[in-house]
Amino acid sequence: MYHEIPFPVFQMKPPNSWDPFEHQDEQPSQQCLQRVRKDIVDFVAHPPPRIFISPVESDMTGIDVLILGTPDSPYEGGAFQFYLKCPPDYPLSPPRVRFLNTDEGRVRFHAHLCATGKVCVRTLGTLRGPGWNPTQSLRGTLASIQWLLGAHPLYAFRLQATRREVASYDIFVQYETIRVAVCDQVDAALREDARCPPTFRKNGWKLWDPVGCKYTTAQYETLLTRLQELRDKVQEQKKAEVVATACVAPAAEV
């Protein structure tokens, strides 16, 4: 029998109290604005690897976030998008965060990334354990979310999963990463979808890699061409398999 990891604790709060889109009309306090500004400056000065932010122009307490999948994990190559909003009493209360790559609620990438978009981590107060404290920052909060996009996500569901189960789930996550966090993201960028902020959909946008100490350029059109080429190769391979099967069948009958 599996030993299940505790799932998010649902406290006596409104059902969507965690959802930043349900609190768009809140007016930030001066303390909130000052702290958010400080956190953004700190983030820009010391950017975590593979995390990018774009504050909303009309309200800096709303921040679009892009987290790239961890290398050598099933999430590698994916661009995972979140929306974060700081409440009026921030930093006394934690930010509210919503995960956006759910394919309209049809995909769950991790035990703590719900299909509803809810992000369940301790620092957000959405998971059992030591929670938020005012000394924590935007940078640290996003790093704790990035940690979810690591190797072997099945262990977040089942501590005693077998190697075969883990490998099978890794393949599933890899597939959904390509479908939702690559193809859908490229499509949204090229269509200038409102759900993909202008900063994240610019072809030629500079992505800073603090580990390699260099800039990488986002080329969505090039990526789309590569995906189309891969599609053509898959179709050619399928045709070759059909021809090979047709040739083997008569020989087997002789």
C-alpha atoms as a PDB file:
ATOM      1  CA  MET A   1       0.000   0.000   0.000  1.00  0.00           C
ATOM      2  CA  TYR A   2       1.332   3.410  -0.929  1.00  0.00           C
ATOM      3  CA  HIS A   3       2.219   5.977   1.712  1.00  0.00           C
ATOM      4  CA  GLU A   4       0.711   9.149   0.344  1.00  0.00           C
ATOM      5  CA  ILE A   5       2.351  12.541   0.833  1.00  0.00           C
ATOM      6  CA  PRO A   6      -0.028  14.981   2.567  1.00  0.00           C
ATOM      7  CA  PHE A   7      -1.915  17.060   0.071  1.00  0.00           C
ATOM      8  CA  PRO A   8      -2.677  20.784   0.503  1.00  0.00           C
ATOM      9  CA  VAL A   9      -4.489  21.746   3.677  1.00  0.00           C
ATOM     10  CA  PHE A  10      -7.798  23.457   3.014  1.00  0.00           C
ATOM     11  CA  GLN A  11      -8.452  25.929   5.802  1.00  0.00           C
ATOM     12  CA  MET A  12     -11.624  27.859   6.549  1.00  0.00           C
ATOM     13  CA  LYS A  13     -11.118  30.450   3.847  1.00  0.00           C
ATOM     14  CA  PRO A  14     -13.110  31.415   0.765  1.00  0.00           C
ATOM     15  CA  PRO A  15     -12.664  28.716  -1.917  1.00  0.00           C
ATOM     16  CA  ASN A  16     -10.587  30.930  -4.208  1.00  0.00           C
ATOM     17  CA  SER A  17      -8.757  33.003  -1.598  1.00  0.00           C
ATOM     18  CA  TRP A  18      -5.482  31.789  -3.135  1.00  0.00           C
ATOM     19  CA  ASP A  19      -6.380  32.975  -6.669  1.00  0.00           C
ATOM     20  CA  PRO A  20      -4.805  36.324  -7.675  1.00  0.00           C
ATOM     21  CA  PHE A  21      -7.398  36.828 -10.428  1.00  0.00           C
ATOM     22  CA  GLU A  22     -10.101  36.988  -7.745  1.00  0.00           C
ATOM     23  CA  HIS A  23      -8.368  39.969  -6.105  1.00  0.00           C
ATOM     24  CA  GLN A  24      -7.541  42.225  -9.034  1.00  0.00           C
ATOM     25  CA  ASP A  25      -9.473  45.188  -7.605  1.00  0.00           C
ATOM     26  CA  GLU A  26      -7.557  45.355  -4.334  1.00  0.00           C
ATOM     27  CA  GLN A  27      -5.717  48.611  -3.718  1.00  0.00           C
ATOM     28  CA  PRO A  28      -2.154  48.177  -2.421  1.00  0.00           C
ATOM     29  CA  SER A  29      -0.953  50.047   0.640  1.00  0.00           C
ATOM     30  CA  GLN A  30       2.092  52.289   0.506  1.00  0.00           C
ATOM     31  CA  GLN A  31       3.987  49.693   2.527  1.00  0.00           C
ATOM     32  CA  CYS A  32       3.064  47.047  -0.030  1.00  0.00           C
ATOM     33  CA  LEU A  33       4.249  49.160  -2.965  1.00  0.00           C
ATOM     34  CA  GLN A  34       7.547  49.974  -1.279  1.00  0.00           C
ATOM     35  CA  ARG A  35       8.239  46.340  -0.484  1.00  0.00           C
ATOM     36  CA  VAL A  36       7.263  45.100  -3.959  1.00  0.00           C
ATOM     37  CA  ARG A  37       9.541  47.702  -5.520  1.00  0.00           C
ATOM     38  CA  LYS A  38      12.389  46.551  -3.248  1.00  0.00           C
ATOM     39  CA  ASP A  39      11.770  42.897  -4.132  1.00  0.00           C
ATOM     40  CA  ILE A  40      11.785  43.640  -7.859  1.00  0.00           C
ATOM     41  CA  VAL A  41      15.061  45.571  -7.579  1.00  0.00           C
ATOM     42  CA  ASP A  42      16.551  42.677  -5.594  1.00  0.00           C
ATOM     43  CA  PHE A  43      15.337  40.171  -8.195  1.00  0.00           C
ATOM     44  CA  VAL A  44      16.838  42.122 -11.096  1.00  0.00           C
ATOM     45  CA  ALA A  45      20.143  42.516  -9.235  1.00  0.00           C
ATOM     46  CA  HIS A  46      20.330  38.818  -8.340  1.00  0.00           C
ATOM     47  CA  PRO A  47      18.163  36.893 -10.836  1.00  0.00           C
ATOM     48  CA  PRO A  48      17.686  33.196 -10.067  1.00  0.00           C
ATOM     49  CA  PRO A  49      18.578  30.858 -12.944  1.00  0.00           C
ATOM     50  CA  ARG A  50      15.746  30.207 -15.413  1.00  0.00           C
ATOM     51  CA  ILE A  51      13.221  32.524 -13.728  1.00  0.00           C
ATOM     52  CA  PHE A  52      11.964  35.689 -15.460  1.00  0.00           C
ATOM     53  CA  ILE A  53       9.489  38.316 -14.300  1.00  0.00           C
ATOM     54  CA  SER A  54       7.489  41.070 -15.975  1.00  0.00           C
ATOM     55  CA  PRO A  55       5.608  43.431 -13.624  1.00  0.00           C
ATOM     56  CA  VAL A  56       2.270  44.653 -14.972  1.00  0.00           C
ATOM     57  CA  GLU A  57       2.742  48.241 -16.161  1.00  0.00           C
ATOM     58  CA  SER A  58      -0.461  49.548 -14.584  1.00  0.00           C
ATOM     59  CA  ASP A  59       0.048  47.737 -11.256  1.00  0.00           C
ATOM     60  CA  MET A  60       3.460  46.540 -10.118  1.00  0.00           C
ATOM     61  CA  THR A  61       1.868  44.313  -7.459  1.00  0.00           C
ATOM     62  CA  GLY A  62       0.771  42.065 -10.337  1.00  0.00           C
ATOM     63  CA  ILE A  63       3.693  40.179 -11.851  1.00  0.00           C
ATOM     64  CA  ASP A  64       3.855  37.758 -14.766  1.00  0.00           C
ATOM     65  CA  VAL A  65       6.376  34.995 -14.159  1.00  0.00           C
ATOM     66  CA  LEU A  66       8.081  32.583 -16.545  1.00  0.00           C
ATOM     67  CA  ILE A  67       9.980  29.599 -15.133  1.00  0.00           C
ATOM     68  CA  LEU A  68      11.986  27.347 -17.438  1.00  0.00           C
ATOM     69  CA  GLY A  69      11.985  23.622 -16.729  1.00  0.00           C
ATOM     70  CA  THR A  70      14.929  22.205 -14.813  1.00  0.00           C
ATOM     71  CA  PRO A  71      17.633  20.607 -17.016  1.00  0.00           C
ATOM     72  CA  ASP A  72      17.735  16.789 -16.960  1.00  0.00           C
ATOM     73  CA  SER A  73      14.157  16.638 -15.698  1.00  0.00           C
ATOM     74  CA  PRO A  74      10.876  15.813 -17.490  1.00  0.00           C
ATOM     75  CA  TYR A  75      10.181  19.561 -17.505  1.00  0.00           C
ATOM     76  CA  GLU A  76      13.332  20.463 -19.450  1.00  0.00           C
ATOM     77  CA  GLY A  77      12.618  22.739 -22.410  1.00  0.00           C
ATOM     78  CA  GLY A  78       9.250  23.862 -21.077  1.00  0.00           C
ATOM     79  CA  ALA A  79       8.289  27.477 -20.380  1.00  0.00           C
ATOM     80  CA  PHE A  80       5.931  27.478 -17.403  1.00  0.00           C
ATOM     81  CA  GLN A  81       3.907  30.597 -16.782  1.00  0.00           C
ATOM     82  CA  PHE A  82       2.530  31.911 -13.492  1.00  0.00           C
ATOM     83  CA  TYR A  83       0.712  35.035 -12.381  1.00  0.00           C
ATOM     84  CA  LEU A  84       1.557  36.526  -8.988  1.00  0.00           C
ATOM     85  CA  LYS A  85      -0.235  39.291  -7.090  1.00  0.00           C
ATOM     86  CA  CYS A  86       0.834  40.781  -3.780  1.00  0.00           C
ATOM     87  CA  PRO A  87      -2.027  41.532  -1.339  1.00  0.00           C
ATOM     88  CA  PRO A  88      -2.517  45.027   0.132  1.00  0.00           C
ATOM     89  CA  ASP A  89      -0.813  44.065   3.412  1.00  0.00           C
ATOM     90  CA  TYR A  90       2.237  42.462   1.742  1.00  0.00           C
ATOM     91  CA  PRO A  91       4.714  41.440   3.150  1.00  0.00           C
ATOM     92  CA  LEU A  92       2.617  40.593   6.222  1.00  0.00           C
ATOM     93  CA  SER A  93       0.678  38.163   4.013  1.00  0.00           C
ATOM     94  CA  PRO A  94       2.169  36.023   1.221  1.00  0.00           C
ATOM     95  CA  PRO A  95       1.657  36.662  -2.493  1.00  0.00           C
ATOM     96  CA  ARG A  96      -1.141  34.882  -4.324  1.00  0.00           C
ATOM     97  CA  VAL A  97       0.027  32.775  -7.267  1.00  0.00           C
ATOM     98  CA  ARG A  98      -1.767  30.978 -10.082  1.00  0.00           C
ATOM     99  CA  PHE A  99      -0.222  28.421 -12.448  1.00  0.00           C
ATOM    100  CA  LEU A 100      -1.357  29.082 -16.019  1.00  0.00           C
ATOM    101  CA  ASN A 101      -0.170  26.029 -18.005  1.00  0.00           C
ATOM    102  CA  THR A 102      -3.085  23.724 -17.161  1.00  0.00           C
ATOM    103  CA  ASP A 103      -4.680  23.456 -20.629  1.00  0.00           C
ATOM    104  CA  GLU A 104      -7.951  24.795 -19.207  1.00  0.00           C
ATOM    105  CA  GLY A 105      -7.812  22.454 -16.228  1.00  0.00           C
ATOM    106  CA  ARG A 106      -6.980  19.294 -18.182  1.00  0.00           C
ATOM    107  CA  VAL A 107      -3.347  18.884 -17.122  1.00  0.00           C
ATOM    108  CA  ARG A 108      -1.728  18.462 -13.733  1.00  0.00           C
ATOM    109  CA  PHE A 109       2.051  18.666 -13.980  1.00  0.00           C
ATOM    110  CA  HIS A 110       2.788  18.013 -10.304  1.00  0.00           C
ATOM    111  CA  ALA A 111       1.049  17.053  -7.075  1.00  0.00           C
ATOM    112  CA  HIS A 112       1.439  20.648  -5.900  1.00  0.00           C
ATOM    113  CA  LEU A 113       0.500  22.297  -9.197  1.00  0.00           C
ATOM    114  CA  CYS A 114      -3.229  21.681  -9.286  1.00  0.00           C
ATOM    115  CA  ALA A 115      -5.312  21.574 -12.457  1.00  0.00           C
ATOM    116  CA  THR A 116      -7.235  24.545 -11.031  1.00  0.00           C
ATOM    117  CA  GLY A 117      -4.039  26.597 -11.152  1.00  0.00           C
ATOM    118  CA  LYS A 118      -3.518  26.528  -7.395  1.00  0.00           C
ATOM    119  CA  VAL A 119       0.150  26.396  -6.385  1.00  0.00           C
ATOM    120  CA  CYS A 120       0.667  24.474  -3.158  1.00  0.00           C
ATOM    121  CA  VAL A 121       3.887  25.396  -1.360  1.00  0.00           C
ATOM    122  CA  ARG A 122       4.540  26.266   2.258  1.00  0.00           C
ATOM    123  CA  THR A 123       5.781  29.773   1.572  1.00  0.00           C
ATOM    124  CA  LEU A 124       2.384  30.663   0.067  1.00  0.00           C
ATOM    125  CA  GLY A 125       0.491  29.219   3.026  1.00  0.00           C
ATOM    126  CA  THR A 126      -1.198  26.649   0.796  1.00  0.00           C
ATOM    127  CA  LEU A 127       0.574  23.577   2.174  1.00  0.00           C
ATOM    128  CA  ARG A 128       1.004  22.172   5.682  1.00  0.00           C
ATOM    129  CA  GLY A 129       4.198  23.193   7.463  1.00  0.00           C
ATOM    130  CA  PRO A 130       6.131  26.358   8.311  1.00  0.00           C
ATOM    131  CA  GLY A 131       4.537  29.084   6.270  1.00  0.00           C
ATOM    132  CA  TRP A 132       5.180  32.600   5.105  1.00  0.00           C
ATOM    133  CA  ASN A 133       7.021  35.215   7.130  1.00  0.00           C
ATOM    134  CA  PRO A 134       7.592  38.880   6.188  1.00  0.00           C
ATOM    135  CA  THR A 135      11.350  38.431   5.789  1.00  0.00           C
ATOM    136  CA  GLN A 136      10.843  36.232   2.737  1.00  0.00           C
ATOM    137  CA  SER A 137      11.123  37.811  -0.693  1.00  0.00           C
ATOM    138  CA  LEU A 138       9.729  37.504  -4.185  1.00  0.00           C
ATOM    139  CA  ARG A 139      12.958  35.851  -5.328  1.00  0.00           C
ATOM    140  CA  GLY A 140      12.815  33.187  -2.624  1.00  0.00           C
ATOM    141  CA  THR A 141       9.128  32.530  -3.224  1.00  0.00           C
ATOM    142  CA  LEU A 142       9.633  31.917  -6.937  1.00  0.00           C
ATOM    143  CA  ALA A 143      12.642  29.706  -6.242  1.00  0.00           C
ATOM    144  CA  SER A 144      10.463  27.510  -4.013  1.00  0.00           C
ATOM    145  CA  ILE A 145       7.971  27.150  -6.877  1.00  0.00           C
ATOM    146  CA  GLN A 146      10.753  26.394  -9.358  1.00  0.00           C
ATOM    147  CA  TRP A 147      11.886  23.556  -7.100  1.00  0.00           C
ATOM    148  CA  LEU A 148       8.676  21.695  -7.988  1.00  0.00           C
ATOM    149  CA  LEU A 149       9.756  21.460 -11.640  1.00  0.00           C
ATOM    150  CA  GLY A 150      12.516  18.973 -10.912  1.00  0.00           C
ATOM    151  CA  ALA A 151      13.339  15.323 -11.455  1.00  0.00           C
ATOM    152  CA  HIS A 152      10.910  12.430 -10.916  1.00  0.00           C
ATOM    153  CA  PRO A 153       7.697  14.294 -10.009  1.00  0.00           C
ATOM    154  CA  LEU A 154       5.787  11.078  -9.257  1.00  0.00           C
ATOM    155  CA  TYR A 155       7.479  10.925  -5.851  1.00  0.00           C
ATOM    156  CA  ALA A 156       5.438  13.989  -4.869  1.00  0.00           C
ATOM    157  CA  PHE A 157       2.350  11.775  -5.270  1.00  0.00           C
ATOM    158  CA  ARG A 158       3.792   8.483  -3.971  1.00  0.00           C
ATOM    159  CA  LEU A 159       6.877   8.107  -1.813  1.00  0.00           C
ATOM    160  CA  GLN A 160       7.169   4.393  -2.582  1.00  0.00           C
ATOM    161  CA  ALA A 161       6.535   4.456  -6.327  1.00  0.00           C
ATOM    162  CA  THR A 162       8.451   1.820  -8.277  1.00  0.00           C
ATOM    163  CA  ARG A 163      11.157   2.715 -10.776  1.00  0.00           C
ATOM    164  CA  ARG A 164       8.916   1.604 -13.608  1.00  0.00           C
ATOM    165  CA  GLU A 165       6.081   3.840 -12.376  1.00  0.00           C
ATOM    166  CA  VAL A 166       8.459   6.782 -11.981  1.00  0.00           C
ATOM    167  CA  ALA A 167       9.870   6.300 -15.486  1.00  0.00           C
ATOM    168  CA  SER A 168       6.382   5.967 -16.958  1.00  0.00           C
ATOM    169  CA  TYR A 169       5.209   9.165 -15.286  1.00  0.00           C
ATOM    170  CA  ASP A 170       8.361  10.985 -16.413  1.00  0.00           C
ATOM    171  CA  ILE A 171       7.447  10.121 -20.013  1.00  0.00           C
ATOM    172  CA  PHE A 172       3.915  11.431 -19.471  1.00  0.00           C
ATOM    173  CA  VAL A 173       5.222  14.714 -18.022  1.00  0.00           C
ATOM    174  CA  GLN A 174       7.725  15.066 -20.876  1.00  0.00           C
ATOM    175  CA  TYR A 175       4.915  14.674 -23.395  1.00  0.00           C
ATOM    176  CA  GLU A 176       2.678  17.220 -21.666  1.00  0.00           C
ATOM    177  CA  THR A 177       5.624  19.603 -21.296  1.00  0.00           C
ATOM    178  CA  ILE A 178       6.197  19.546 -25.056  1.00  0.00           C
ATOM    179  CA  ARG A 179       2.477  19.816 -25.810  1.00  0.00           C
ATOM    180  CA  VAL A 180       1.491  22.501 -23.294  1.00  0.00           C
ATOM    181  CA  ALA A 181       4.654  24.267 -22.107  1.00  0.00           C
ATOM    182  CA  VAL A 182       6.369  24.332 -25.516  1.00  0.00           C
ATOM    183  CA  CYS A 183       3.866  24.090 -28.383  1.00  0.00           C
ATOM    184  CA  ASP A 184       1.047  26.016 -26.695  1.00  0.00           C
ATOM    185  CA  GLN A 185       3.481  28.656 -25.427  1.00  0.00           C
ATOM    186  CA  VAL A 186       5.010  29.163 -28.878  1.00  0.00           C
ATOM    187  CA  ASP A 187       1.539  29.340 -30.403  1.00  0.00           C
ATOM    188  CA  ALA A 188       0.421  31.928 -27.826  1.00  0.00           C
ATOM    189  CA  ALA A 189       3.553  34.012 -28.424  1.00  0.00           C
ATOM    190  CA  LEU A 190       3.138  34.030 -32.210  1.00  0.00           C
ATOM    191  CA  ARG A 191      -0.596  34.820 -31.976  1.00  0.00           C
ATOM    192  CA  GLU A 192       0.107  37.571 -29.434  1.00  0.00           C
ATOM    193  CA  ASP A 193      -2.362  35.932 -27.080  1.00  0.00           C
ATOM    194  CA  ALA A 194      -3.289  38.152 -24.135  1.00  0.00           C
ATOM    195  CA  ARG A 195      -2.433  35.303 -21.779  1.00  0.00           C
ATOM    196  CA  CYS A 196       1.182  35.548 -22.926  1.00  0.00           C
ATOM    197  CA  PRO A 197       2.512  38.973 -21.791  1.00  0.00           C
ATOM    198  CA  PRO A 198       4.226  41.119 -24.447  1.00  0.00           C
ATOM    199  CA  THR A 199       7.580  40.785 -22.681  1.00  0.00           C
ATOM    200  CA  PHE A 200       7.427  36.993 -22.918  1.00  0.00           C
ATOM    201  CA  ARG A 201       6.283  36.791 -26.535  1.00  0.00           C
ATOM    202  CA  LYS A 202       8.832  39.091 -28.147  1.00  0.00           C
ATOM    203  CA  ASN A 203      10.764  37.310 -30.863  1.00  0.00           C
ATOM    204  CA  GLY A 204      14.379  38.175 -30.161  1.00  0.00           C
ATOM    205  CA  TRP A 205      13.779  38.747 -26.443  1.00  0.00           C
ATOM    206  CA  LYS A 206      16.999  38.458 -24.446  1.00  0.00           C
ATOM    207  CA  LEU A 207      17.022  35.743 -21.781  1.00  0.00           C
ATOM    208  CA  TRP A 208      19.810  36.064 -19.224  1.00  0.00           C
ATOM    209  CA  ASP A 209      21.507  32.864 -18.069  1.00  0.00           C
ATOM    210  CA  PRO A 210      23.269  33.746 -14.791  1.00  0.00           C
ATOM    211  CA  VAL A 211      24.873  30.288 -14.604  1.00  0.00           C
ATOM    212  CA  GLY A 212      26.527  30.508 -18.015  1.00  0.00           C
ATOM    213  CA  CYS A 213      26.887  34.295 -17.640  1.00  0.00           C
ATOM    214  CA  LYS A 214      25.504  34.940 -21.096  1.00  0.00           C
ATOM    215  CA  TYR A 215      22.360  35.993 -22.932  1.00  0.00           C
ATOM    216  CA  THR A 216      20.167  33.603 -24.905  1.00  0.00           C
ATOM    217  CA  THR A 217      17.830  34.998 -27.540  1.00  0.00           C
ATOM    218  CA  ALA A 218      14.212  33.839 -27.711  1.00  0.00           C
ATOM    219  CA  GLN A 219      13.403  32.939 -31.318  1.00  0.00           C
ATOM    220  CA  TYR A 220       9.845  31.621 -31.363  1.00  0.00           C
ATOM    221  CA  GLU A 221       9.611  31.480 -35.161  1.00  0.00           C
ATOM    222  CA  THR A 222      12.786  29.389 -35.336  1.00  0.00           C
ATOM    223  CA  LEU A 223      11.425  27.085 -32.652  1.00  0.00           C
ATOM    224  CA  LEU A 224       8.156  26.723 -34.562  1.00  0.00           C
ATOM    225  CA  THR A 225      10.076  25.785 -37.725  1.00  0.00           C
ATOM    226  CA  ARG A 226      12.005  23.158 -35.792  1.00  0.00           C
ATOM    227  CA  LEU A 227       8.777  21.690 -34.392  1.00  0.00           C
ATOM    228  CA  GLN A 228       7.333  21.514 -37.903  1.00  0.00           C
ATOM    229  CA  GLU A 229      10.469  19.749 -39.160  1.00  0.00           C
ATOM    230  CA  LEU A 230      10.198  17.222 -36.335  1.00  0.00           C
ATOM    231  CA  ARG A 231       6.553  16.665 -37.244  1.00  0.00           C
ATOM    232  CA  ASP A 232       7.540  15.960 -40.863  1.00  0.00           C
ATOM    233  CA  LYS A 233      10.196  13.482 -39.716  1.00  0.00           C
ATOM    234  CA  VAL A 234       7.666  11.650 -37.535  1.00  0.00           C
ATOM    235  CA  GLN A 235       5.229  11.419 -40.452  1.00  0.00           C
ATOM    236  CA  GLU A 236       7.970  10.084 -42.749  1.00  0.00           C
ATOM    237  CA  GLN A 237       8.931   7.496 -40.152  1.00  0.00           C
ATOM    238  CA  LYS A 238       5.307   6.368 -39.822  1.00  0.00           C
ATOM    239  CA  LYS A 239       5.023   5.991 -43.605  1.00  0.00           C
ATOM    240  CA  ALA A 240       8.222   3.933 -43.670  1.00  0.00           C
ATOM    241  CA  GLU A 241       6.855   1.680 -40.913  1.00  0.00           C
ATOM    242  CA  VAL A 242       3.614   1.155 -42.860  1.00  0.00           C
ATOM    243  CA  VAL A 243       5.571   0.220 -46.004  1.00  0.00           C
ATOM    244  CA  ALA A 244       7.818  -2.144 -44.036  1.00  0.00           C
ATOM    245  CA  THR A 245       4.804  -3.825 -42.443  1.00  0.00           C
ATOM    246  CA  ALA A 246       3.143  -4.234 -45.845  1.00  0.00           C
ATOM    247  CA  CYS A 247       6.291  -5.885 -47.234  1.00  0.00           C
ATOM    248  CA  VAL A 248       6.665  -8.278 -44.301  1.00  0.00           C
ATOM    249  CA  ALA A 249       3.023  -9.429 -44.301  1.00  0.00           C
ATOM    250  CA  PRO A 250       3.072 -11.217 -47.728  1.00  0.00           C
ATOM    251  CA  ALA A 251       6.403 -12.847 -46.899  1.00  0.00           C
ATOM    252  CA  ALA A 252       4.945 -14.251 -43.689  1.00  0.00           C
ATOM    253  CA  GLU A 253       2.090 -15.847 -45.640  1.00  0.00           C
ATOM    254  CA  VAL A 254       4.435 -17.787 -47.967  1.00  0.00           C
END
